[in-house]
Amino acid sequence: MKKDLFTLSFCIFFYSTLSYTQNLNSYSIDDNLYEKTFNAFSSGELLEYKLYYGFLNASYASLELRKEELNNNIVYRATAIGKTTGLARLFFKVDDLYEAFFPLDKVKPIKSIRDIYEGGYVRKAETFYDDNNKTATLINKITDESKIINLENDYQDIVSTFYFLRKHLDISKLKEGDLIGVNIFFDQRNYPFKMKFLGIENLKTKFGLIECMKLNPYMEAGRVFRSNKGLELWVTNDKNRIPVKVRANLRVGTIVAELTSFRGITNPFKIIVND
């Protein structure tokens, strides 16, 4: 349980909680929601978050985007870092790195990197995606073993999902109660991931009052979440589509993640009221 709690806390923005969605039924994605491309981000963007469990500052997380050459092409390299901090680090040390490489014009993973340390558990892997054959070649960097796994249609990896929804989801078509779906490949498995759009809400933050879209990522109720609606996500209702807050209602308490700093965003960051 301790491992689940801290893994959830620092990775919550990277959808690491997918391990609890495995019993959700498959569903079709509404392609009409992803027909357009939006200028939601660019190279140089950095988002930083702090995650709290009760009074503890449990974790730090960041998402950074930059351009890089891969296979003689210029692509985006998205880097997600998570680590426990303060007292939490004394009890359970976590240093995790997740990376995704994808084209500049359309978010579709070409390569993924996973390099994690979680309280003694170590995982180092690289995944290469073949979109023509819908397969992923997973290479264990510790044992040098490789495995080929079939992919679902419209697949994303754990980091590219974040950028896919920002760049390709047409939020103007969303109505309250609509479901947003993505097929995510993570840890050698395909997961159907979905969120419900709950409407627009003004959220008080350290930056001021921000108009946000409120979303409910579906999770399997069980030993970690109180219900399958145990995760709430607030995303700026603007052209940036930046997550500013997540609240996870667990059986053992509540984890809150909040945006603490940002730089290099592409569009104006709209504040309703400066406190």
Protein backbone atom coordinates (compact mmCIF):
# COMPACT_ATOMS: atom_id res chain seq x y z
CA MET A 1 0.00 0.00 0.00
CA LYS A 2 2.86 2.39 0.78
CA LYS A 3 4.33 1.87 -2.70
CA ASP A 4 0.94 2.46 -4.35
CA LEU A 5 0.39 5.65 -2.36
CA PHE A 6 3.67 7.34 -3.20
CA THR A 7 3.72 6.13 -6.79
CA LEU A 8 0.28 7.68 -7.18
CA SER A 9 1.27 10.93 -5.48
CA PHE A 10 4.22 11.94 -7.68
CA CYS A 11 2.90 10.48 -10.95
CA ILE A 12 -0.69 11.63 -10.75
CA PHE A 13 -0.37 14.01 -13.72
CA PHE A 14 1.22 11.30 -15.84
CA TYR A 15 -1.78 8.94 -15.41
CA SER A 16 0.26 6.37 -13.51
CA THR A 17 -3.02 5.39 -11.89
CA LEU A 18 -3.77 3.43 -15.06
CA SER A 19 -2.92 0.30 -13.09
CA TYR A 20 -6.36 0.66 -11.49
CA THR A 21 -8.31 0.99 -14.76
CA GLN A 22 -7.58 -2.44 -16.14
CA ASN A 23 -11.10 -3.80 -15.57
CA LEU A 24 -12.88 -1.03 -17.48
CA ASN A 25 -14.74 -2.26 -20.54
CA SER A 26 -13.43 -1.30 -23.98
CA TYR A 27 -15.18 1.59 -25.68
CA SER A 28 -14.92 3.49 -28.96
CA ILE A 29 -13.32 6.93 -29.16
CA ASP A 30 -15.36 9.73 -30.72
CA ASP A 31 -13.02 10.73 -33.56
CA ASN A 32 -14.94 13.99 -34.07
CA LEU A 33 -13.38 15.32 -30.88
CA TYR A 34 -9.85 14.96 -32.30
CA GLU A 35 -10.22 16.24 -35.88
CA LYS A 36 -8.44 19.55 -35.30
CA THR A 37 -4.94 20.58 -34.22
CA PHE A 38 -4.44 23.39 -31.70
CA ASN A 39 -1.39 25.49 -30.84
CA ALA A 40 -1.45 24.55 -27.16
CA PHE A 41 2.29 24.21 -26.46
CA SER A 42 5.77 24.71 -27.90
CA SER A 43 9.41 23.89 -27.17
CA GLY A 44 10.68 25.34 -23.90
CA GLU A 45 7.51 24.83 -21.87
CA LEU A 46 8.05 23.79 -18.26
CA LEU A 47 5.29 23.00 -15.75
CA GLU A 48 6.10 22.28 -12.09
CA TYR A 49 3.82 20.80 -9.44
CA LYS A 50 3.85 20.04 -5.74
CA LEU A 51 1.81 17.18 -4.35
CA TYR A 52 0.51 17.02 -0.81
CA TYR A 53 -0.73 14.16 1.32
CA GLY A 54 -2.40 15.70 4.36
CA PHE A 55 0.11 18.13 5.88
CA LEU A 56 3.05 16.47 4.09
CA ASN A 57 4.65 17.98 1.00
CA ALA A 58 4.95 14.48 -0.42
CA SER A 59 6.26 14.91 -3.96
CA TYR A 60 7.51 17.11 -6.76
CA ALA A 61 6.62 16.63 -10.42
CA SER A 62 7.55 18.45 -13.60
CA LEU A 63 6.75 18.29 -17.30
CA GLU A 64 9.22 19.79 -19.77
CA LEU A 65 9.03 19.96 -23.56
CA ARG A 66 11.85 20.64 -26.01
CA LYS A 67 12.79 19.94 -29.62
CA GLU A 68 15.40 17.32 -30.43
CA GLU A 69 16.67 15.31 -33.39
CA LEU A 70 15.63 11.67 -33.58
CA ASN A 71 16.27 9.43 -36.59
CA ASN A 72 17.25 12.52 -38.66
CA ASN A 73 13.94 14.24 -37.84
CA ILE A 74 13.19 17.11 -35.48
CA VAL A 75 10.67 15.92 -32.90
CA TYR A 76 9.39 16.89 -29.47
CA ARG A 77 10.96 15.27 -26.42
CA ALA A 78 8.64 15.42 -23.42
CA THR A 79 10.24 14.72 -20.05
CA ALA A 80 8.22 13.94 -16.94
CA ILE A 81 10.06 13.81 -13.63
CA GLY A 82 8.64 12.74 -10.28
CA LYS A 83 10.27 12.38 -6.88
CA THR A 84 9.28 12.26 -3.26
CA THR A 85 10.47 15.14 -1.10
CA GLY A 86 10.84 16.06 2.57
CA LEU A 87 9.65 13.53 5.15
CA ALA A 88 8.09 11.36 2.45
CA ARG A 89 11.52 10.82 0.92
CA LEU A 90 12.87 9.57 4.24
CA PHE A 91 10.20 6.86 4.35
CA PHE A 92 10.04 6.03 0.66
CA LYS A 93 12.57 7.34 -1.88
CA VAL A 94 11.25 7.80 -5.40
CA ASP A 95 13.14 9.12 -8.43
CA ASP A 96 11.24 8.55 -11.65
CA LEU A 97 11.79 9.64 -15.22
CA TYR A 98 9.30 9.12 -18.06
CA GLU A 99 9.96 10.45 -21.57
CA ALA A 100 8.10 10.44 -24.86
CA PHE A 101 9.24 11.43 -28.35
CA PHE A 102 6.61 12.46 -30.90
CA PRO A 103 6.35 14.46 -34.19
CA LEU A 104 5.90 18.24 -34.17
CA ASP A 105 2.63 18.22 -36.13
CA LYS A 106 0.76 15.32 -34.53
CA VAL A 107 1.12 13.74 -31.11
CA LYS A 108 1.83 10.04 -31.71
CA PRO A 109 4.64 8.38 -29.72
CA ILE A 110 7.72 7.26 -31.62
CA LYS A 111 9.80 6.27 -28.61
CA SER A 112 9.31 6.11 -24.84
CA ILE A 113 11.77 5.93 -21.96
CA ARG A 114 11.01 4.72 -18.45
CA ASP A 115 13.75 4.98 -15.81
CA ILE A 116 12.37 4.62 -12.29
CA TYR A 117 13.45 3.96 -8.74
CA GLU A 118 10.69 3.40 -6.18
CA GLY A 119 11.84 2.31 -2.73
CA GLY A 120 14.27 -0.25 -4.15
CA TYR A 121 12.20 -1.20 -7.19
CA VAL A 122 14.14 -0.35 -10.35
CA ARG A 123 12.87 -0.31 -13.90
CA LYS A 124 14.78 0.83 -17.00
CA ALA A 125 13.07 0.35 -20.34
CA GLU A 126 12.78 1.82 -23.81
CA THR A 127 9.83 1.34 -26.14
CA PHE A 128 9.85 1.87 -29.92
CA TYR A 129 6.52 2.21 -31.75
CA ASP A 130 5.74 0.92 -35.24
CA ASP A 131 2.59 2.72 -36.33
CA ASN A 132 2.34 0.85 -39.65
CA ASN A 133 2.15 -2.55 -37.95
CA LYS A 134 0.59 -1.26 -34.71
CA THR A 135 3.27 -2.88 -32.56
CA ALA A 136 5.56 -1.75 -29.75
CA THR A 137 9.04 -3.16 -29.20
CA LEU A 138 9.84 -3.04 -25.50
CA ILE A 139 13.51 -3.32 -24.48
CA ASN A 140 14.47 -4.05 -20.88
CA LYS A 141 17.67 -2.03 -20.40
CA ILE A 142 18.66 -4.06 -17.32
CA THR A 143 18.40 -7.56 -18.83
CA ASP A 144 18.70 -6.51 -22.50
CA GLU A 145 15.59 -8.60 -23.27
CA SER A 146 13.08 -7.40 -25.86
CA LYS A 147 9.42 -8.10 -26.48
CA ILE A 148 7.00 -7.13 -29.26
CA ILE A 149 3.45 -6.28 -28.20
CA ASN A 150 0.40 -5.46 -30.32
CA LEU A 151 -1.11 -1.99 -29.92
CA GLU A 152 -4.70 -0.80 -29.96
CA ASN A 153 -5.83 1.83 -32.46
CA ASP A 154 -5.28 5.50 -31.55
CA TYR A 155 -2.66 4.53 -28.99
CA GLN A 156 -0.64 6.91 -26.80
CA ASP A 157 1.93 6.36 -24.09
CA ILE A 158 1.72 7.61 -20.53
CA VAL A 159 3.37 11.00 -21.25
CA SER A 160 2.21 11.65 -24.81
CA THR A 161 -1.42 11.34 -23.63
CA PHE A 162 -1.02 14.61 -21.77
CA TYR A 163 0.12 16.44 -24.91
CA PHE A 164 -2.27 14.60 -27.23
CA LEU A 165 -5.31 15.84 -25.33
CA ARG A 166 -3.94 19.38 -25.22
CA LYS A 167 -3.14 19.54 -28.94
CA HIS A 168 -5.93 17.51 -30.54
CA LEU A 169 -8.98 17.57 -28.24
CA ASP A 170 -11.58 20.07 -29.49
CA ILE A 171 -12.87 21.43 -26.19
CA SER A 172 -15.44 23.61 -28.00
CA LYS A 173 -17.38 20.44 -28.81
CA LEU A 174 -17.52 19.21 -25.21
CA LYS A 175 -20.85 19.16 -23.41
CA GLU A 176 -21.32 18.45 -19.72
CA GLY A 177 -21.33 14.69 -19.21
CA ASP A 178 -19.36 13.89 -22.38
CA LEU A 179 -16.70 11.16 -22.20
CA ILE A 180 -13.14 11.65 -23.47
CA GLY A 181 -11.30 8.45 -24.39
CA VAL A 182 -7.70 7.45 -25.17
CA ASN A 183 -6.04 4.05 -25.59
CA ILE A 184 -2.84 4.14 -23.53
CA PHE A 185 0.06 1.69 -23.73
CA PHE A 186 1.83 1.40 -20.40
CA ASP A 187 3.92 -1.28 -18.69
CA GLN A 188 3.46 -3.82 -21.52
CA ARG A 189 -0.32 -3.47 -21.60
CA ASN A 190 -3.04 -1.56 -23.44
CA TYR A 191 -5.43 0.41 -21.23
CA PRO A 192 -8.68 2.08 -22.29
CA PHE A 193 -8.59 5.37 -20.41
CA LYS A 194 -11.59 7.69 -20.15
CA MET A 195 -12.61 10.93 -18.45
CA LYS A 196 -15.97 12.63 -17.99
CA PHE A 197 -16.31 16.36 -18.63
CA LEU A 198 -18.10 17.85 -15.59
CA GLY A 199 -18.37 21.45 -16.80
CA ILE A 200 -16.69 24.81 -16.17
CA GLU A 201 -15.60 25.95 -12.71
CA ASN A 202 -13.66 28.96 -11.40
CA LEU A 203 -10.78 27.62 -9.32
CA LYS A 204 -8.87 29.59 -6.68
CA THR A 205 -5.12 29.10 -7.12
CA LYS A 206 -1.87 30.74 -5.99
CA PHE A 207 -1.96 32.71 -9.25
CA GLY A 208 -5.52 33.99 -8.74
CA LEU A 209 -8.93 32.83 -9.90
CA ILE A 210 -8.74 30.69 -13.06
CA GLU A 211 -11.57 29.45 -15.26
CA CYS A 212 -11.11 25.69 -15.57
CA MET A 213 -12.63 22.65 -17.17
CA LYS A 214 -13.39 20.08 -14.47
CA LEU A 215 -12.82 16.45 -15.44
CA ASN A 216 -13.34 13.12 -13.75
CA PRO A 217 -10.81 10.47 -14.86
CA TYR A 218 -12.39 7.07 -14.22
CA MET A 219 -10.52 4.76 -11.88
CA GLU A 220 -11.39 1.32 -10.63
CA ALA A 221 -12.71 1.42 -7.07
CA GLY A 222 -10.85 -0.87 -4.74
CA ARG A 223 -8.06 -0.86 -2.22
CA VAL A 224 -6.78 2.59 -3.28
CA PHE A 225 -9.72 4.68 -4.54
CA ARG A 226 -12.96 5.14 -2.64
CA SER A 227 -14.92 4.98 -5.90
CA ASN A 228 -14.31 5.02 -9.66
CA LYS A 229 -14.90 8.78 -9.45
CA GLY A 230 -12.12 9.24 -6.92
CA LEU A 231 -9.95 11.49 -9.13
CA GLU A 232 -10.82 15.11 -10.01
CA LEU A 233 -8.82 17.19 -12.50
CA TRP A 234 -8.97 20.93 -13.25
CA VAL A 235 -7.53 22.16 -16.58
CA THR A 236 -7.33 25.79 -17.75
CA ASN A 237 -10.23 26.62 -20.05
CA ASP A 238 -7.98 28.45 -22.52
CA LYS A 239 -5.70 27.67 -25.44
CA ASN A 240 -2.98 26.23 -23.18
CA ARG A 241 -5.13 23.49 -21.53
CA ILE A 242 -2.77 23.27 -18.53
CA PRO A 243 -3.68 21.07 -15.53
CA VAL A 244 -3.65 23.31 -12.46
CA LYS A 245 -4.99 20.96 -9.80
CA VAL A 246 -5.69 17.28 -9.18
CA ARG A 247 -7.43 15.80 -6.16
CA ALA A 248 -7.32 12.07 -5.51
CA ASN A 249 -9.79 10.81 -2.92
CA LEU A 250 -8.20 7.65 -1.54
CA ARG A 251 -9.32 5.19 1.09
CA VAL A 252 -6.44 6.38 3.28
CA GLY A 253 -6.88 10.12 2.74
CA THR A 254 -6.63 12.73 0.00
CA ILE A 255 -3.72 13.67 -2.25
CA VAL A 256 -3.76 17.13 -3.82
CA ALA A 257 -1.45 18.21 -6.64
CA GLU A 258 -1.16 21.88 -7.59
CA LEU A 259 0.66 23.85 -10.26
CA THR A 260 3.34 25.94 -8.56
CA SER A 261 5.28 27.47 -11.47
CA PHE A 262 5.39 27.57 -15.25
CA ARG A 263 7.40 29.10 -18.07
CA GLY A 264 7.52 29.02 -21.84
CA ILE A 265 3.77 28.65 -22.34
CA THR A 266 2.51 29.46 -25.83
CA ASN A 267 -0.68 31.39 -25.07
CA PRO A 268 -1.69 33.97 -22.44
CA PHE A 269 -2.37 32.53 -18.99
CA LYS A 270 -5.72 34.04 -18.10
CA ILE A 271 -6.37 35.15 -14.52
CA ILE A 272 -9.85 36.29 -13.54
CA VAL A 273 -8.83 37.86 -10.22
CA ASN A 274 -5.38 38.45 -8.81
CA ASP A 275 -5.47 37.94 -5.03
